[in-house]
């Protein structure tokens, strides 16, 4: 993942003149970013076997930093991630990986039954595995997504034969994360509003601090008494 992010950063820096150009609009810069930088970062994401939270977080941090620079948003100016994605018409890295993965799975399921790629999706290796937790595989990632859709493998094979229905299924799967994100954001804002509305009003008149003055003689007396003890 470090090598992939490094290659994407190199592709981003090569287009520095385009990002700094004032003649191109934000939409044009976003399209160039998606076609020249994001494709390098997420190359072969359809068959990634490990998409842990740490990996997704690294990808998302890189994307957000690039989008901040393209929109000229620097510290101390801040913007939330949801507002950043809305202004740039982007989706999260997790949704992007899930969308590409299931589009590729649908394309593979429409192939002939004797195709090696289609047979590899349901191939179960024989033999004993090593002791410990089983490694994360593409099949395990597919099983996790199937639980979210409440579908089994036979239903997905029949659904994949119709492209329009498959696209609707993939769109519904990817919208689960965005809907939960919007719900959590609304709950957070409602909680802040209720907290500030229930808080007591601030006093309009400022409270004056007590005037305390120390002289050098008092410090000397205190210093001498501590020495005698």
C-alpha atoms as a PDB file:
ATOM      1  CA  UNK A   1       0.000   0.000   0.000  1.00  0.00           C
ATOM      2  CA  UNK A   2       2.910   2.351   0.664  1.00  0.00           C
ATOM      3  CA  UNK A   3       4.230   1.770  -2.855  1.00  0.00           C
ATOM      4  CA  UNK A   4       0.802   2.427  -4.343  1.00  0.00           C
ATOM      5  CA  UNK A   5       0.398   5.686  -2.425  1.00  0.00           C
ATOM      6  CA  UNK A   6       3.931   6.724  -3.418  1.00  0.00           C
ATOM      7  CA  UNK A   7       3.172   6.199  -7.109  1.00  0.00           C
ATOM      8  CA  UNK A   8      -0.069   8.147  -6.799  1.00  0.00           C
ATOM      9  CA  UNK A   9       1.752  10.997  -5.034  1.00  0.00           C
ATOM     10  CA  UNK A  10       4.348  11.087  -7.823  1.00  0.00           C
ATOM     11  CA  UNK A  11       1.559  11.272 -10.418  1.00  0.00           C
ATOM     12  CA  UNK A  12      -0.065  14.086  -8.444  1.00  0.00           C
ATOM     13  CA  UNK A  13       3.152  16.109  -8.215  1.00  0.00           C
ATOM     14  CA  UNK A  14       3.799  15.764 -11.941  1.00  0.00           C
ATOM     15  CA  UNK A  15       0.531  17.644 -12.561  1.00  0.00           C
ATOM     16  CA  UNK A  16       1.389  20.466 -10.164  1.00  0.00           C
ATOM     17  CA  UNK A  17       1.106  23.090 -12.899  1.00  0.00           C
ATOM     18  CA  UNK A  18      -2.454  21.995 -13.618  1.00  0.00           C
ATOM     19  CA  UNK A  19      -3.527  22.207  -9.977  1.00  0.00           C
ATOM     20  CA  UNK A  20      -2.019  25.712  -9.663  1.00  0.00           C
ATOM     21  CA  UNK A  21      -3.557  26.943 -12.914  1.00  0.00           C
ATOM     22  CA  UNK A  22      -6.305  29.541 -12.540  1.00  0.00           C
ATOM     23  CA  UNK A  23      -7.678  28.949 -16.033  1.00  0.00           C
ATOM     24  CA  UNK A  24      -9.143  25.518 -15.224  1.00  0.00           C
ATOM     25  CA  UNK A  25     -12.300  25.077 -13.202  1.00  0.00           C
ATOM     26  CA  UNK A  26     -12.630  22.880 -10.142  1.00  0.00           C
ATOM     27  CA  UNK A  27     -14.713  20.307 -12.020  1.00  0.00           C
ATOM     28  CA  UNK A  28     -11.996  19.970 -14.667  1.00  0.00           C
ATOM     29  CA  UNK A  29      -9.320  19.484 -12.006  1.00  0.00           C
ATOM     30  CA  UNK A  30     -11.427  16.815 -10.306  1.00  0.00           C
ATOM     31  CA  UNK A  31     -11.863  14.937 -13.584  1.00  0.00           C
ATOM     32  CA  UNK A  32      -8.109  15.064 -14.213  1.00  0.00           C
ATOM     33  CA  UNK A  33      -7.475  13.883 -10.653  1.00  0.00           C
ATOM     34  CA  UNK A  34      -9.821  10.911 -11.037  1.00  0.00           C
ATOM     35  CA  UNK A  35      -8.344   9.813 -14.364  1.00  0.00           C
ATOM     36  CA  UNK A  36      -4.626  10.364 -13.658  1.00  0.00           C
ATOM     37  CA  UNK A  37      -4.128  10.048  -9.899  1.00  0.00           C
ATOM     38  CA  UNK A  38      -7.001   8.053  -8.468  1.00  0.00           C
ATOM     39  CA  UNK A  39      -6.609   5.308 -11.061  1.00  0.00           C
ATOM     40  CA  UNK A  40      -2.957   4.870 -10.082  1.00  0.00           C
ATOM     41  CA  UNK A  41      -3.869   4.713  -6.407  1.00  0.00           C
ATOM     42  CA  UNK A  42      -6.688   2.175  -6.810  1.00  0.00           C
ATOM     43  CA  UNK A  43      -5.199   0.059  -9.588  1.00  0.00           C
ATOM     44  CA  UNK A  44      -6.475  -3.520  -9.351  1.00  0.00           C
ATOM     45  CA  UNK A  45      -8.772  -2.704  -6.429  1.00  0.00           C
ATOM     46  CA  UNK A  46     -11.378  -5.161  -7.736  1.00  0.00           C
ATOM     47  CA  UNK A  47      -9.337  -8.137  -6.563  1.00  0.00           C
ATOM     48  CA  UNK A  48      -7.762  -6.753  -3.397  1.00  0.00           C
ATOM     49  CA  UNK A  49      -8.036  -9.443  -0.748  1.00  0.00           C
ATOM     50  CA  UNK A  50      -7.361  -7.184   2.233  1.00  0.00           C
ATOM     51  CA  UNK A  51      -9.332  -3.990   2.673  1.00  0.00           C
ATOM     52  CA  UNK A  52      -8.871  -3.387   6.374  1.00  0.00           C
ATOM     53  CA  UNK A  53      -9.808  -0.164   8.094  1.00  0.00           C
ATOM     54  CA  UNK A  54      -6.140   0.830   8.315  1.00  0.00           C
ATOM     55  CA  UNK A  55      -5.654   0.498   4.549  1.00  0.00           C
ATOM     56  CA  UNK A  56      -8.860   2.379   3.771  1.00  0.00           C
ATOM     57  CA  UNK A  57      -7.853   5.100   6.229  1.00  0.00           C
ATOM     58  CA  UNK A  58      -4.489   5.581   4.501  1.00  0.00           C
ATOM     59  CA  UNK A  59      -6.165   5.838   1.094  1.00  0.00           C
ATOM     60  CA  UNK A  60      -8.760   8.271   2.404  1.00  0.00           C
ATOM     61  CA  UNK A  61      -6.163  10.491   4.066  1.00  0.00           C
ATOM     62  CA  UNK A  62      -4.211  10.771   0.812  1.00  0.00           C
ATOM     63  CA  UNK A  63      -7.351  11.594  -1.182  1.00  0.00           C
ATOM     64  CA  UNK A  64      -8.490  14.202   1.316  1.00  0.00           C
ATOM     65  CA  UNK A  65      -5.084  15.904   1.382  1.00  0.00           C
ATOM     66  CA  UNK A  66      -5.038  16.151  -2.424  1.00  0.00           C
ATOM     67  CA  UNK A  67      -8.579  17.533  -2.532  1.00  0.00           C
ATOM     68  CA  UNK A  68      -7.735  20.107   0.155  1.00  0.00           C
ATOM     69  CA  UNK A  69      -4.794  21.354  -1.913  1.00  0.00           C
ATOM     70  CA  UNK A  70      -6.874  21.516  -5.081  1.00  0.00           C
ATOM     71  CA  UNK A  71      -9.529  23.607  -3.325  1.00  0.00           C
ATOM     72  CA  UNK A  72      -6.831  25.815  -1.713  1.00  0.00           C
ATOM     73  CA  UNK A  73      -8.032  24.982   1.793  1.00  0.00           C
ATOM     74  CA  UNK A  74      -5.123  25.297   4.209  1.00  0.00           C
ATOM     75  CA  UNK A  75      -4.767  25.737   7.932  1.00  0.00           C
ATOM     76  CA  UNK A  76      -6.333  27.543   9.806  1.00  0.00           C
ATOM     77  CA  UNK A  77      -9.245  27.190   7.346  1.00  0.00           C
ATOM     78  CA  UNK A  78     -11.033  23.891   7.949  1.00  0.00           C
ATOM     79  CA  UNK A  79     -13.832  21.940   6.307  1.00  0.00           C
ATOM     80  CA  UNK A  80     -15.560  18.701   7.221  1.00  0.00           C
ATOM     81  CA  UNK A  81     -15.014  15.586   5.162  1.00  0.00           C
ATOM     82  CA  UNK A  82     -18.653  15.408   4.089  1.00  0.00           C
ATOM     83  CA  UNK A  83     -18.556  18.985   2.826  1.00  0.00           C
ATOM     84  CA  UNK A  84     -15.294  18.249   1.029  1.00  0.00           C
ATOM     85  CA  UNK A  85     -16.782  15.230  -0.752  1.00  0.00           C
ATOM     86  CA  UNK A  86     -19.931  17.147  -1.680  1.00  0.00           C
ATOM     87  CA  UNK A  87     -17.982  20.045  -3.186  1.00  0.00           C
ATOM     88  CA  UNK A  88     -15.779  17.711  -5.217  1.00  0.00           C
ATOM     89  CA  UNK A  89     -18.537  15.179  -6.033  1.00  0.00           C
ATOM     90  CA  UNK A  90     -16.511  12.308  -4.567  1.00  0.00           C
ATOM     91  CA  UNK A  91     -17.399   9.191  -2.612  1.00  0.00           C
ATOM     92  CA  UNK A  92     -15.428   7.562   0.154  1.00  0.00           C
ATOM     93  CA  UNK A  93     -12.597   5.150  -0.588  1.00  0.00           C
ATOM     94  CA  UNK A  94     -14.509   2.275   1.001  1.00  0.00           C
ATOM     95  CA  UNK A  95     -17.527   2.845  -1.236  1.00  0.00           C
ATOM     96  CA  UNK A  96     -15.304   3.222  -4.304  1.00  0.00           C
ATOM     97  CA  UNK A  97     -13.523  -0.087  -3.654  1.00  0.00           C
ATOM     98  CA  UNK A  98     -16.795  -1.892  -2.938  1.00  0.00           C
ATOM     99  CA  UNK A  99     -18.421  -0.490  -6.069  1.00  0.00           C
ATOM    100  CA  UNK A 100     -15.547  -1.491  -8.358  1.00  0.00           C
ATOM    101  CA  UNK A 101     -15.320  -4.937  -6.771  1.00  0.00           C
ATOM    102  CA  UNK A 102     -18.977  -5.816  -7.326  1.00  0.00           C
ATOM    103  CA  UNK A 103     -19.013  -4.379 -10.828  1.00  0.00           C
ATOM    104  CA  UNK A 104     -16.148  -6.740 -11.659  1.00  0.00           C
ATOM    105  CA  UNK A 105     -17.916  -9.658  -9.944  1.00  0.00           C
ATOM    106  CA  UNK A 106     -21.047  -9.046 -12.014  1.00  0.00           C
ATOM    107  CA  UNK A 107     -18.967  -8.911 -15.194  1.00  0.00           C
ATOM    108  CA  UNK A 108     -17.295 -12.200 -14.218  1.00  0.00           C
ATOM    109  CA  UNK A 109     -20.583 -13.947 -13.403  1.00  0.00           C
ATOM    110  CA  UNK A 110     -21.886 -13.148 -16.885  1.00  0.00           C
ATOM    111  CA  UNK A 111     -19.059 -15.137 -18.463  1.00  0.00           C
ATOM    112  CA  UNK A 112     -19.291 -18.768 -19.562  1.00  0.00           C
ATOM    113  CA  UNK A 113     -19.392 -21.433 -16.815  1.00  0.00           C
ATOM    114  CA  UNK A 114     -16.149 -22.979 -18.067  1.00  0.00           C
ATOM    115  CA  UNK A 115     -14.260 -19.670 -17.757  1.00  0.00           C
ATOM    116  CA  UNK A 116     -11.311 -19.876 -15.374  1.00  0.00           C
ATOM    117  CA  UNK A 117     -12.066 -16.468 -13.840  1.00  0.00           C
ATOM    118  CA  UNK A 118     -15.610 -17.471 -12.975  1.00  0.00           C
ATOM    119  CA  UNK A 119     -14.516 -20.812 -11.569  1.00  0.00           C
ATOM    120  CA  UNK A 120     -11.940 -19.080  -9.360  1.00  0.00           C
ATOM    121  CA  UNK A 121     -14.687 -17.173  -7.509  1.00  0.00           C
ATOM    122  CA  UNK A 122     -16.201 -20.364  -6.097  1.00  0.00           C
ATOM    123  CA  UNK A 123     -13.055 -22.497  -5.962  1.00  0.00           C
ATOM    124  CA  UNK A 124     -12.438 -24.013  -2.535  1.00  0.00           C
ATOM    125  CA  UNK A 125      -8.834 -25.209  -1.971  1.00  0.00           C
ATOM    126  CA  UNK A 126      -8.434 -28.613  -0.373  1.00  0.00           C
ATOM    127  CA  UNK A 127      -6.103 -29.586   2.420  1.00  0.00           C
ATOM    128  CA  UNK A 128      -5.366 -28.363   5.924  1.00  0.00           C
ATOM    129  CA  UNK A 129      -4.523 -24.776   6.696  1.00  0.00           C
ATOM    130  CA  UNK A 130      -2.117 -23.473   9.289  1.00  0.00           C
ATOM    131  CA  UNK A 131      -3.058 -22.890  12.873  1.00  0.00           C
ATOM    132  CA  UNK A 132      -4.428 -19.476  13.738  1.00  0.00           C
ATOM    133  CA  UNK A 133      -6.872 -17.019  12.310  1.00  0.00           C
ATOM    134  CA  UNK A 134      -7.573 -17.607   8.594  1.00  0.00           C
ATOM    135  CA  UNK A 135      -6.202 -15.015   6.227  1.00  0.00           C
ATOM    136  CA  UNK A 136      -8.493 -12.471   4.667  1.00  0.00           C
ATOM    137  CA  UNK A 137      -9.350 -13.394   1.094  1.00  0.00           C
ATOM    138  CA  UNK A 138     -11.492 -11.969  -1.669  1.00  0.00           C
ATOM    139  CA  UNK A 139     -14.104 -14.605  -0.973  1.00  0.00           C
ATOM    140  CA  UNK A 140     -14.381 -13.571   2.674  1.00  0.00           C
ATOM    141  CA  UNK A 141     -14.810  -9.956   1.630  1.00  0.00           C
ATOM    142  CA  UNK A 142     -17.592 -11.053  -0.721  1.00  0.00           C
ATOM    143  CA  UNK A 143     -19.306 -12.977   2.073  1.00  0.00           C
ATOM    144  CA  UNK A 144     -19.269  -9.900   4.307  1.00  0.00           C
ATOM    145  CA  UNK A 145     -20.893  -7.820   1.573  1.00  0.00           C
ATOM    146  CA  UNK A 146     -23.468 -10.554   0.882  1.00  0.00           C
ATOM    147  CA  UNK A 147     -24.581 -10.415   4.520  1.00  0.00           C
ATOM    148  CA  UNK A 148     -25.184  -6.686   4.125  1.00  0.00           C
ATOM    149  CA  UNK A 149     -27.299  -7.312   1.013  1.00  0.00           C
ATOM    150  CA  UNK A 150     -29.086 -10.290   2.638  1.00  0.00           C
ATOM    151  CA  UNK A 151     -28.419 -12.359  -0.506  1.00  0.00           C
ATOM    152  CA  UNK A 152     -26.934 -15.776  -1.191  1.00  0.00           C
ATOM    153  CA  UNK A 153     -24.618 -16.778  -4.024  1.00  0.00           C
ATOM    154  CA  UNK A 154     -27.338 -18.368  -6.190  1.00  0.00           C
ATOM    155  CA  UNK A 155     -29.435 -15.205  -6.077  1.00  0.00           C
ATOM    156  CA  UNK A 156     -26.443 -13.110  -7.070  1.00  0.00           C
ATOM    157  CA  UNK A 157     -25.653 -15.366 -10.028  1.00  0.00           C
ATOM    158  CA  UNK A 158     -29.204 -14.971 -11.335  1.00  0.00           C
ATOM    159  CA  UNK A 159     -29.214 -11.233 -10.645  1.00  0.00           C
ATOM    160  CA  UNK A 160     -25.927 -10.659 -12.486  1.00  0.00           C
ATOM    161  CA  UNK A 161     -27.410 -11.808 -15.803  1.00  0.00           C
ATOM    162  CA  UNK A 162     -29.433  -8.569 -15.969  1.00  0.00           C
ATOM    163  CA  UNK A 163     -27.113  -5.574 -16.106  1.00  0.00           C
ATOM    164  CA  UNK A 164     -29.697  -2.970 -15.072  1.00  0.00           C
ATOM    165  CA  UNK A 165     -30.782  -4.921 -12.006  1.00  0.00           C
ATOM    166  CA  UNK A 166     -27.175  -5.605 -11.066  1.00  0.00           C
ATOM    167  CA  UNK A 167     -26.317  -1.917 -11.231  1.00  0.00           C
ATOM    168  CA  UNK A 168     -29.231  -1.125  -8.945  1.00  0.00           C
ATOM    169  CA  UNK A 169     -28.052  -3.804  -6.522  1.00  0.00           C
ATOM    170  CA  UNK A 170     -24.495  -2.435  -6.458  1.00  0.00           C
ATOM    171  CA  UNK A 171     -25.775   1.121  -6.059  1.00  0.00           C
ATOM    172  CA  UNK A 172     -27.903   0.073  -3.093  1.00  0.00           C
ATOM    173  CA  UNK A 173     -24.950  -1.694  -1.480  1.00  0.00           C
ATOM    174  CA  UNK A 174     -22.704   1.352  -1.834  1.00  0.00           C
ATOM    175  CA  UNK A 175     -25.411   3.688  -0.516  1.00  0.00           C
ATOM    176  CA  UNK A 176     -25.547   1.834   2.813  1.00  0.00           C
ATOM    177  CA  UNK A 177     -22.332   3.453   4.049  1.00  0.00           C
ATOM    178  CA  UNK A 178     -23.254   6.927   2.806  1.00  0.00           C
ATOM    179  CA  UNK A 179     -26.700   6.738   4.445  1.00  0.00           C
ATOM    180  CA  UNK A 180     -25.199   5.740   7.779  1.00  0.00           C
ATOM    181  CA  UNK A 181     -22.661   8.545   7.490  1.00  0.00           C
ATOM    182  CA  UNK A 182     -25.420  11.101   6.902  1.00  0.00           C
ATOM    183  CA  UNK A 183     -27.445   9.734   9.820  1.00  0.00           C
ATOM    184  CA  UNK A 184     -24.471   9.954  12.185  1.00  0.00           C
ATOM    185  CA  UNK A 185     -23.679  13.477  11.032  1.00  0.00           C
ATOM    186  CA  UNK A 186     -27.271  14.612  11.599  1.00  0.00           C
ATOM    187  CA  UNK A 187     -27.296  12.997  15.064  1.00  0.00           C
ATOM    188  CA  UNK A 188     -24.046  14.796  15.890  1.00  0.00           C
ATOM    189  CA  UNK A 189     -25.394  18.186  14.806  1.00  0.00           C
ATOM    190  CA  UNK A 190     -28.663  17.632  16.691  1.00  0.00           C
ATOM    191  CA  UNK A 191     -26.696  16.724  19.810  1.00  0.00           C
ATOM    192  CA  UNK A 192     -24.627  19.909  19.564  1.00  0.00           C
ATOM    193  CA  UNK A 193     -27.730  22.062  19.074  1.00  0.00           C
ATOM    194  CA  UNK A 194     -29.491  20.518  22.072  1.00  0.00           C
ATOM    195  CA  UNK A 195     -26.358  20.923  24.195  1.00  0.00           C
ATOM    196  CA  UNK A 196     -26.046  24.621  23.411  1.00  0.00           C
ATOM    197  CA  UNK A 197     -29.792  25.234  23.753  1.00  0.00           C
ATOM    198  CA  UNK A 198     -29.930  23.646  27.236  1.00  0.00           C
ATOM    199  CA  UNK A 199     -26.833  25.445  28.487  1.00  0.00           C
ATOM    200  CA  UNK A 200     -27.410  28.488  30.739  1.00  0.00           C
ATOM    201  CA  UNK A 201     -26.971  31.889  29.106  1.00  0.00           C
ATOM    202  CA  UNK A 202     -23.668  33.640  29.571  1.00  0.00           C
ATOM    203  CA  UNK A 203     -23.528  36.749  31.749  1.00  0.00           C
ATOM    204  CA  UNK A 204     -23.308  39.905  29.630  1.00  0.00           C
ATOM    205  CA  UNK A 205     -21.108  41.767  32.116  1.00  0.00           C
ATOM    206  CA  UNK A 206     -17.545  40.498  32.535  1.00  0.00           C
ATOM    207  CA  UNK A 207     -16.326  39.555  36.005  1.00  0.00           C
ATOM    208  CA  UNK A 208     -13.305  41.501  37.170  1.00  0.00           C
ATOM    209  CA  UNK A 209     -10.426  39.493  38.529  1.00  0.00           C
ATOM    210  CA  UNK A 210      -9.136  40.380  42.004  1.00  0.00           C
ATOM    211  CA  UNK A 211      -6.220  42.768  42.096  1.00  0.00           C
ATOM    212  CA  UNK A 212      -3.363  40.892  43.791  1.00  0.00           C
ATOM    213  CA  UNK A 213       0.019  42.547  44.155  1.00  0.00           C
ATOM    214  CA  UNK A 214       3.211  41.115  45.555  1.00  0.00           C
ATOM    215  CA  UNK A 215       6.214  43.045  46.798  1.00  0.00           C
ATOM    216  CA  UNK A 216       9.809  41.986  46.803  1.00  0.00           C
ATOM    217  CA  UNK A 217       9.959  42.167  50.616  1.00  0.00           C
ATOM    218  CA  UNK A 218       7.309  39.486  51.032  1.00  0.00           C
ATOM    219  CA  UNK A 219       9.254  37.108  48.793  1.00  0.00           C
ATOM    220  CA  UNK A 220      12.450  37.794  50.775  1.00  0.00           C
ATOM    221  CA  UNK A 221      10.757  37.086  54.107  1.00  0.00           C
ATOM    222  CA  UNK A 222       9.312  33.834  52.797  1.00  0.00           C
ATOM    223  CA  UNK A 223      12.716  32.789  51.441  1.00  0.00           C
ATOM    224  CA  UNK A 224      14.508  33.466  54.758  1.00  0.00           C
ATOM    225  CA  UNK A 225      11.931  31.581  56.833  1.00  0.00           C
ATOM    226  CA  UNK A 226      12.267  28.481  54.694  1.00  0.00           C
ATOM    227  CA  UNK A 227      16.066  28.556  55.116  1.00  0.00           C
ATOM    228  CA  UNK A 228      15.896  28.779  58.920  1.00  0.00           C
ATOM    229  CA  UNK A 229      13.609  25.775  59.070  1.00  0.00           C
END
